[in-house]
Amino acid sequence: MNAIHDRAFDCGLLTIMPDLRVKISPELKGGTADKALQDFLWRFENTSISLPGRFAPDENFLRYHSEKVFLGR
């Protein structure tokens, strides 16, 4: 992931589910097919992230983010 993904996560436009799958907000899917959005975000929908060697994401935080921050409820 890069700074665009980090910012999208912070804004709730994408989340990582507790099972480590990426979910993209329907807010981004409703408009026209923007090439940049497709390249940087949509192609990751339902893909699994790899766990880092250090600092694995906390499952409780991921659950909180997907329930409270993510714009896909």
PDB file of N, CA and C in Angstrom:
ATOM      1  N   MET A   1       0.844  -1.176   0.000  1.00  0.00           N
ATOM      2  CA  MET A   1       0.000   0.000   0.000  1.00  0.00           C
ATOM      3  C   MET A   1       0.887   1.236   0.000  1.00  0.00           C
ATOM      4  N   ASN A   2       0.311   2.335  -0.470  1.00  0.00           N
ATOM      5  CA  ASN A   2       1.083   3.567  -0.555  1.00  0.00           C
ATOM      6  C   ASN A   2       0.325   4.709   0.120  1.00  0.00           C
ATOM      7  N   ALA A   3       0.791   5.931  -0.051  1.00  0.00           N
ATOM      8  CA  ALA A   3       0.180   7.092   0.612  1.00  0.00           C
ATOM      9  C   ALA A   3      -1.271   7.303   0.177  1.00  0.00           C
ATOM     10  N   ILE A   4      -1.601   6.973  -1.067  1.00  0.00           N
ATOM     11  CA  ILE A   4      -2.996   7.109  -1.532  1.00  0.00           C
ATOM     12  C   ILE A   4      -3.890   6.149  -0.773  1.00  0.00           C
ATOM     13  N   HIS A   5      -3.436   4.914  -0.603  1.00  0.00           N
ATOM     14  CA  HIS A   5      -4.218   3.936   0.143  1.00  0.00           C
ATOM     15  C   HIS A   5      -4.344   4.344   1.606  1.00  0.00           C
ATOM     16  N   ASP A   6      -3.259   4.853   2.171  1.00  0.00           N
ATOM     17  CA  ASP A   6      -3.274   5.305   3.560  1.00  0.00           C
ATOM     18  C   ASP A   6      -4.298   6.419   3.756  1.00  0.00           C
ATOM     19  N   ARG A   7      -4.305   7.377   2.861  1.00  0.00           N
ATOM     20  CA  ARG A   7      -5.259   8.494   2.949  1.00  0.00           C
ATOM     21  C   ARG A   7      -6.694   8.005   2.747  1.00  0.00           C
ATOM     22  N   ALA A   8      -6.904   7.104   1.795  1.00  0.00           N
ATOM     23  CA  ALA A   8      -8.241   6.548   1.569  1.00  0.00           C
ATOM     24  C   ALA A   8      -8.723   5.791   2.808  1.00  0.00           C
ATOM     25  N   PHE A   9      -7.821   5.082   3.468  1.00  0.00           N
ATOM     26  CA  PHE A   9      -8.154   4.377   4.706  1.00  0.00           C
ATOM     27  C   PHE A   9      -8.547   5.381   5.778  1.00  0.00           C
ATOM     28  N   ASP A  10      -7.744   6.424   5.952  1.00  0.00           N
ATOM     29  CA  ASP A  10      -8.033   7.448   6.961  1.00  0.00           C
ATOM     30  C   ASP A  10      -9.378   8.114   6.728  1.00  0.00           C
ATOM     31  N   CYS A  11      -9.751   8.301   5.474  1.00  0.00           N
ATOM     32  CA  CYS A  11     -11.014   8.962   5.127  1.00  0.00           C
ATOM     33  C   CYS A  11     -12.203   8.001   5.083  1.00  0.00           C
ATOM     34  N   GLY A  12     -11.959   6.714   5.273  1.00  0.00           N
ATOM     35  CA  GLY A  12     -13.039   5.738   5.255  1.00  0.00           C
ATOM     36  C   GLY A  12     -13.440   5.275   3.874  1.00  0.00           C
ATOM     37  N   LEU A  13     -12.625   5.557   2.878  1.00  0.00           N
ATOM     38  CA  LEU A  13     -12.945   5.134   1.515  1.00  0.00           C
ATOM     39  C   LEU A  13     -12.533   3.697   1.238  1.00  0.00           C
ATOM     40  N   LEU A  14     -11.675   3.162   2.080  1.00  0.00           N
ATOM     41  CA  LEU A  14     -11.369   1.741   2.044  1.00  0.00           C
ATOM     42  C   LEU A  14     -11.130   1.278   3.462  1.00  0.00           C
ATOM     43  N   THR A  15     -11.310   0.004   3.672  1.00  0.00           N
ATOM     44  CA  THR A  15     -11.044  -0.572   4.980  1.00  0.00           C
ATOM     45  C   THR A  15     -10.427  -1.944   4.796  1.00  0.00           C
ATOM     46  N   ILE A  16      -9.856  -2.434   5.864  1.00  0.00           N
ATOM     47  CA  ILE A  16      -9.348  -3.800   5.918  1.00  0.00           C
ATOM     48  C   ILE A  16     -10.238  -4.532   6.907  1.00  0.00           C
ATOM     49  N   MET A  17     -10.917  -5.549   6.438  1.00  0.00           N
ATOM     50  CA  MET A  17     -11.815  -6.313   7.288  1.00  0.00           C
ATOM     51  C   MET A  17     -10.992  -7.162   8.260  1.00  0.00           C
ATOM     52  N   PRO A  18     -11.593  -7.592   9.373  1.00  0.00           N
ATOM     53  CA  PRO A  18     -10.841  -8.420  10.332  1.00  0.00           C
ATOM     54  C   PRO A  18     -10.240  -9.690   9.716  1.00  0.00           C
ATOM     55  N   ASP A  19     -10.820 -10.177   8.601  1.00  0.00           N
ATOM     56  CA  ASP A  19     -10.242 -11.348   7.926  1.00  0.00           C
ATOM     57  C   ASP A  19      -9.158 -10.946   6.913  1.00  0.00           C
ATOM     58  N   LEU A  20      -8.749  -9.664   6.955  1.00  0.00           N
ATOM     59  CA  LEU A  20      -7.660  -9.082   6.159  1.00  0.00           C
ATOM     60  C   LEU A  20      -7.992  -8.881   4.684  1.00  0.00           C
ATOM     61  N   ARG A  21      -9.282  -8.853   4.347  1.00  0.00           N
ATOM     62  CA  ARG A  21      -9.704  -8.536   2.978  1.00  0.00           C
ATOM     63  C   ARG A  21      -9.933  -7.034   2.854  1.00  0.00           C
ATOM     64  N   VAL A  22      -9.569  -6.485   1.709  1.00  0.00           N
ATOM     65  CA  VAL A  22      -9.772  -5.066   1.419  1.00  0.00           C
ATOM     66  C   VAL A  22     -11.206  -4.859   0.933  1.00  0.00           C
ATOM     67  N   LYS A  23     -11.862  -3.835   1.462  1.00  0.00           N
ATOM     68  CA  LYS A  23     -13.193  -3.443   0.997  1.00  0.00           C
ATOM     69  C   LYS A  23     -13.118  -1.985   0.568  1.00  0.00           C
ATOM     70  N   ILE A  24     -13.682  -1.690  -0.605  1.00  0.00           N
ATOM     71  CA  ILE A  24     -13.731  -0.335  -1.142  1.00  0.00           C
ATOM     72  C   ILE A  24     -15.135   0.211  -0.925  1.00  0.00           C
ATOM     73  N   SER A  25     -15.226   1.453  -0.522  1.00  0.00           N
ATOM     74  CA  SER A  25     -16.516   2.071  -0.248  1.00  0.00           C
ATOM     75  C   SER A  25     -17.385   2.148  -1.501  1.00  0.00           C
ATOM     76  N   PRO A  26     -18.679   1.815  -1.359  1.00  0.00           N
ATOM     77  CA  PRO A  26     -19.604   1.986  -2.483  1.00  0.00           C
ATOM     78  C   PRO A  26     -19.684   3.437  -2.946  1.00  0.00           C
ATOM     79  N   GLU A  27     -19.301   4.369  -2.086  1.00  0.00           N
ATOM     80  CA  GLU A  27     -19.287   5.788  -2.456  1.00  0.00           C
ATOM     81  C   GLU A  27     -18.379   6.027  -3.673  1.00  0.00           C
ATOM     82  N   LEU A  28     -17.343   5.212  -3.815  1.00  0.00           N
ATOM     83  CA  LEU A  28     -16.422   5.358  -4.946  1.00  0.00           C
ATOM     84  C   LEU A  28     -16.880   4.580  -6.164  1.00  0.00           C
ATOM     85  N   LYS A  29     -17.775   3.635  -5.982  1.00  0.00           N
ATOM     86  CA  LYS A  29     -18.212   2.787  -7.083  1.00  0.00           C
ATOM     87  C   LYS A  29     -19.378   3.374  -7.861  1.00  0.00           C
ATOM     88  N   GLY A  30     -20.051   4.367  -7.308  1.00  0.00           N
ATOM     89  CA  GLY A  30     -21.268   4.866  -7.912  1.00  0.00           C
ATOM     90  C   GLY A  30     -21.091   5.771  -9.111  1.00  0.00           C
ATOM     91  N   GLY A  31     -19.942   6.363  -9.277  1.00  0.00           N
ATOM     92  CA  GLY A  31     -19.738   7.326 -10.363  1.00  0.00           C
ATOM     93  C   GLY A  31     -19.206   6.684 -11.620  1.00  0.00           C
ATOM     94  N   THR A  32     -18.662   7.508 -12.453  1.00  0.00           N
ATOM     95  CA  THR A  32     -18.079   7.015 -13.697  1.00  0.00           C
ATOM     96  C   THR A  32     -16.795   6.252 -13.388  1.00  0.00           C
ATOM     97  N   ALA A  33     -16.398   5.417 -14.273  1.00  0.00           N
ATOM     98  CA  ALA A  33     -15.204   4.594 -14.070  1.00  0.00           C
ATOM     99  C   ALA A  33     -13.955   5.438 -14.298  1.00  0.00           C
ATOM    100  N   ASP A  34     -13.467   6.031 -13.254  1.00  0.00           N
ATOM    101  CA  ASP A  34     -12.253   6.837 -13.312  1.00  0.00           C
ATOM    102  C   ASP A  34     -11.044   5.905 -13.334  1.00  0.00           C
ATOM    103  N   LYS A  35     -10.169   6.080 -14.311  1.00  0.00           N
ATOM    104  CA  LYS A  35      -9.015   5.194 -14.483  1.00  0.00           C
ATOM    105  C   LYS A  35      -8.102   5.195 -13.256  1.00  0.00           C
ATOM    106  N   ALA A  36      -7.849   6.349 -12.667  1.00  0.00           N
ATOM    107  CA  ALA A  36      -6.974   6.419 -11.495  1.00  0.00           C
ATOM    108  C   ALA A  36      -7.588   5.669 -10.315  1.00  0.00           C
ATOM    109  N   LEU A  37      -8.897   5.857 -10.078  1.00  0.00           N
ATOM    110  CA  LEU A  37      -9.545   5.126  -8.985  1.00  0.00           C
ATOM    111  C   LEU A  37      -9.495   3.627  -9.232  1.00  0.00           C
ATOM    112  N   GLN A  38      -9.706   3.243 -10.459  1.00  0.00           N
ATOM    113  CA  GLN A  38      -9.661   1.823 -10.784  1.00  0.00           C
ATOM    114  C   GLN A  38      -8.262   1.259 -10.543  1.00  0.00           C
ATOM    115  N   ASP A  39      -7.243   1.971 -10.979  1.00  0.00           N
ATOM    116  CA  ASP A  39      -5.867   1.504 -10.822  1.00  0.00           C
ATOM    117  C   ASP A  39      -5.420   1.480  -9.366  1.00  0.00           C
ATOM    118  N   PHE A  40      -5.777   2.508  -8.601  1.00  0.00           N
ATOM    119  CA  PHE A  40      -5.268   2.629  -7.245  1.00  0.00           C
ATOM    120  C   PHE A  40      -6.148   2.012  -6.172  1.00  0.00           C
ATOM    121  N   LEU A  41      -7.439   1.837  -6.435  1.00  0.00           N
ATOM    122  CA  LEU A  41      -8.314   1.336  -5.380  1.00  0.00           C
ATOM    123  C   LEU A  41      -9.151   0.133  -5.786  1.00  0.00           C
ATOM    124  N   TRP A  42      -9.967   0.277  -6.818  1.00  0.00           N
ATOM    125  CA  TRP A  42     -10.948  -0.762  -7.134  1.00  0.00           C
ATOM    126  C   TRP A  42     -10.328  -2.127  -7.373  1.00  0.00           C
ATOM    127  N   ARG A  43      -9.148  -2.176  -7.922  1.00  0.00           N
ATOM    128  CA  ARG A  43      -8.550  -3.474  -8.241  1.00  0.00           C
ATOM    129  C   ARG A  43      -8.200  -4.276  -6.987  1.00  0.00           C
ATOM    130  N   PHE A  44      -8.217  -3.632  -5.820  1.00  0.00           N
ATOM    131  CA  PHE A  44      -7.903  -4.325  -4.574  1.00  0.00           C
ATOM    132  C   PHE A  44      -9.142  -4.859  -3.846  1.00  0.00           C
ATOM    133  N   GLU A  45     -10.325  -4.550  -4.352  1.00  0.00           N
ATOM    134  CA  GLU A  45     -11.561  -5.017  -3.719  1.00  0.00           C
ATOM    135  C   GLU A  45     -11.527  -6.535  -3.515  1.00  0.00           C
ATOM    136  N   ASN A  46     -11.765  -6.953  -2.275  1.00  0.00           N
ATOM    137  CA  ASN A  46     -11.815  -8.368  -1.861  1.00  0.00           C
ATOM    138  C   ASN A  46     -10.492  -9.111  -1.948  1.00  0.00           C
ATOM    139  N   THR A  47      -9.392  -8.410  -2.163  1.00  0.00           N
ATOM    140  CA  THR A  47      -8.097  -9.080  -2.106  1.00  0.00           C
ATOM    141  C   THR A  47      -7.638  -9.112  -0.657  1.00  0.00           C
ATOM    142  N   SER A  48      -6.819 -10.065  -0.327  1.00  0.00           N
ATOM    143  CA  SER A  48      -6.293 -10.186   1.032  1.00  0.00           C
ATOM    144  C   SER A  48      -4.935  -9.502   1.119  1.00  0.00           C
ATOM    145  N   ILE A  49      -4.690  -8.857   2.238  1.00  0.00           N
ATOM    146  CA  ILE A  49      -3.376  -8.262   2.451  1.00  0.00           C
ATOM    147  C   ILE A  49      -2.464  -9.314   3.081  1.00  0.00           C
ATOM    148  N   SER A  50      -1.194  -9.145   2.910  1.00  0.00           N
ATOM    149  CA  SER A  50      -0.213 -10.003   3.563  1.00  0.00           C
ATOM    150  C   SER A  50       0.129  -9.398   4.910  1.00  0.00           C
ATOM    151  N   LEU A  51       0.240 -10.236   5.911  1.00  0.00           N
ATOM    152  CA  LEU A  51       0.617  -9.735   7.226  1.00  0.00           C
ATOM    153  C   LEU A  51       2.079  -9.295   7.219  1.00  0.00           C
ATOM    154  N   PRO A  52       2.349  -8.147   7.817  1.00  0.00           N
ATOM    155  CA  PRO A  52       3.745  -7.714   7.910  1.00  0.00           C
ATOM    156  C   PRO A  52       4.496  -8.575   8.925  1.00  0.00           C
ATOM    157  N   GLY A  53       5.801  -8.606   8.802  1.00  0.00           N
ATOM    158  CA  GLY A  53       6.615  -9.364   9.754  1.00  0.00           C
ATOM    159  C   GLY A  53       6.542  -8.801  11.156  1.00  0.00           C
ATOM    160  N   ARG A  54       6.358  -7.486  11.233  1.00  0.00           N
ATOM    161  CA  ARG A  54       6.245  -6.805  12.525  1.00  0.00           C
ATOM    162  C   ARG A  54       5.007  -5.929  12.497  1.00  0.00           C
ATOM    163  N   PHE A  55       4.466  -5.667  13.642  1.00  0.00           N
ATOM    164  CA  PHE A  55       3.340  -4.747  13.808  1.00  0.00           C
ATOM    165  C   PHE A  55       2.102  -5.180  13.023  1.00  0.00           C
ATOM    166  N   ALA A  56       1.678  -6.395  13.246  1.00  0.00           N
ATOM    167  CA  ALA A  56       0.459  -6.892  12.616  1.00  0.00           C
ATOM    168  C   ALA A  56      -0.724  -6.042  13.053  1.00  0.00           C
ATOM    169  N   PRO A  57      -1.706  -5.828  12.169  1.00  0.00           N
ATOM    170  CA  PRO A  57      -2.863  -5.016  12.544  1.00  0.00           C
ATOM    171  C   PRO A  57      -3.672  -5.686  13.645  1.00  0.00           C
ATOM    172  N   ASP A  58      -4.185  -4.872  14.549  1.00  0.00           N
ATOM    173  CA  ASP A  58      -5.009  -5.354  15.647  1.00  0.00           C
ATOM    174  C   ASP A  58      -6.422  -5.644  15.136  1.00  0.00           C
ATOM    175  N   GLU A  59      -6.911  -6.842  15.368  1.00  0.00           N
ATOM    176  CA  GLU A  59      -8.227  -7.242  14.871  1.00  0.00           C
ATOM    177  C   GLU A  59      -9.338  -6.331  15.411  1.00  0.00           C
ATOM    178  N   ASN A  60      -9.224  -5.907  16.664  1.00  0.00           N
ATOM    179  CA  ASN A  60     -10.235  -5.012  17.240  1.00  0.00           C
ATOM    180  C   ASN A  60     -10.236  -3.652  16.544  1.00  0.00           C
ATOM    181  N   PHE A  61      -9.058  -3.142  16.219  1.00  0.00           N
ATOM    182  CA  PHE A  61      -8.983  -1.875  15.494  1.00  0.00           C
ATOM    183  C   PHE A  61      -9.588  -2.015  14.102  1.00  0.00           C
ATOM    184  N   LEU A  62      -9.263  -3.108  13.416  1.00  0.00           N
ATOM    185  CA  LEU A  62      -9.824  -3.320  12.075  1.00  0.00           C
ATOM    186  C   LEU A  62     -11.344  -3.400  12.135  1.00  0.00           C
ATOM    187  N   ARG A  63     -11.870  -4.079  13.141  1.00  0.00           N
ATOM    188  CA  ARG A  63     -13.322  -4.185  13.304  1.00  0.00           C
ATOM    189  C   ARG A  63     -13.922  -2.791  13.556  1.00  0.00           C
ATOM    190  N   TYR A  64     -13.296  -2.016  14.456  1.00  0.00           N
ATOM    191  CA  TYR A  64     -13.767  -0.662  14.742  1.00  0.00           C
ATOM    192  C   TYR A  64     -13.765   0.174  13.465  1.00  0.00           C
ATOM    193  N   HIS A  65     -12.678   0.135  12.721  1.00  0.00           N
ATOM    194  CA  HIS A  65     -12.565   0.946  11.507  1.00  0.00           C
ATOM    195  C   HIS A  65     -13.659   0.570  10.499  1.00  0.00           C
ATOM    196  N   SER A  66     -13.858  -0.727  10.301  1.00  0.00           N
ATOM    197  CA  SER A  66     -14.847  -1.160   9.301  1.00  0.00           C
ATOM    198  C   SER A  66     -16.269  -0.844   9.739  1.00  0.00           C
ATOM    199  N   GLU A  67     -16.528  -0.766  11.047  1.00  0.00           N
ATOM    200  CA  GLU A  67     -17.870  -0.483  11.559  1.00  0.00           C
ATOM    201  C   GLU A  67     -18.153   1.013  11.758  1.00  0.00           C
ATOM    202  N   LYS A  68     -17.128   1.784  12.114  1.00  0.00           N
ATOM    203  CA  LYS A  68     -17.344   3.180  12.504  1.00  0.00           C
ATOM    204  C   LYS A  68     -16.775   4.226  11.549  1.00  0.00           C
ATOM    205  N   VAL A  69     -15.720   3.898  10.827  1.00  0.00           N
ATOM    206  CA  VAL A  69     -15.047   4.882   9.972  1.00  0.00           C
ATOM    207  C   VAL A  69     -15.379   4.658   8.500  1.00  0.00           C
ATOM    208  N   PHE A  70     -15.408   3.410   8.090  1.00  0.00           N
ATOM    209  CA  PHE A  70     -15.621   3.044   6.689  1.00  0.00           C
ATOM    210  C   PHE A  70     -16.958   3.560   6.177  1.00  0.00           C
ATOM    211  N   LEU A  71     -16.948   4.137   4.981  1.00  0.00           N
ATOM    212  CA  LEU A  71     -18.154   4.701   4.368  1.00  0.00           C
ATOM    213  C   LEU A  71     -18.896   3.657   3.537  1.00  0.00           C
ATOM    214  N   GLY A  72     -18.942   2.437   3.998  1.00  0.00           N
ATOM    215  CA  GLY A  72     -19.592   1.377   3.248  1.00  0.00           C
ATOM    216  C   GLY A  72     -20.701   0.702   4.011  1.00  0.00           C
ATOM    217  N   ARG A  73     -21.144   1.333   5.050  1.00  0.00           N
ATOM    218  CA  ARG A  73     -22.192   0.732   5.899  1.00  0.00           C
ATOM    219  C   ARG A  73     -23.515   0.810   5.248  1.00  0.00           C
TER     220      ARG A  73
END
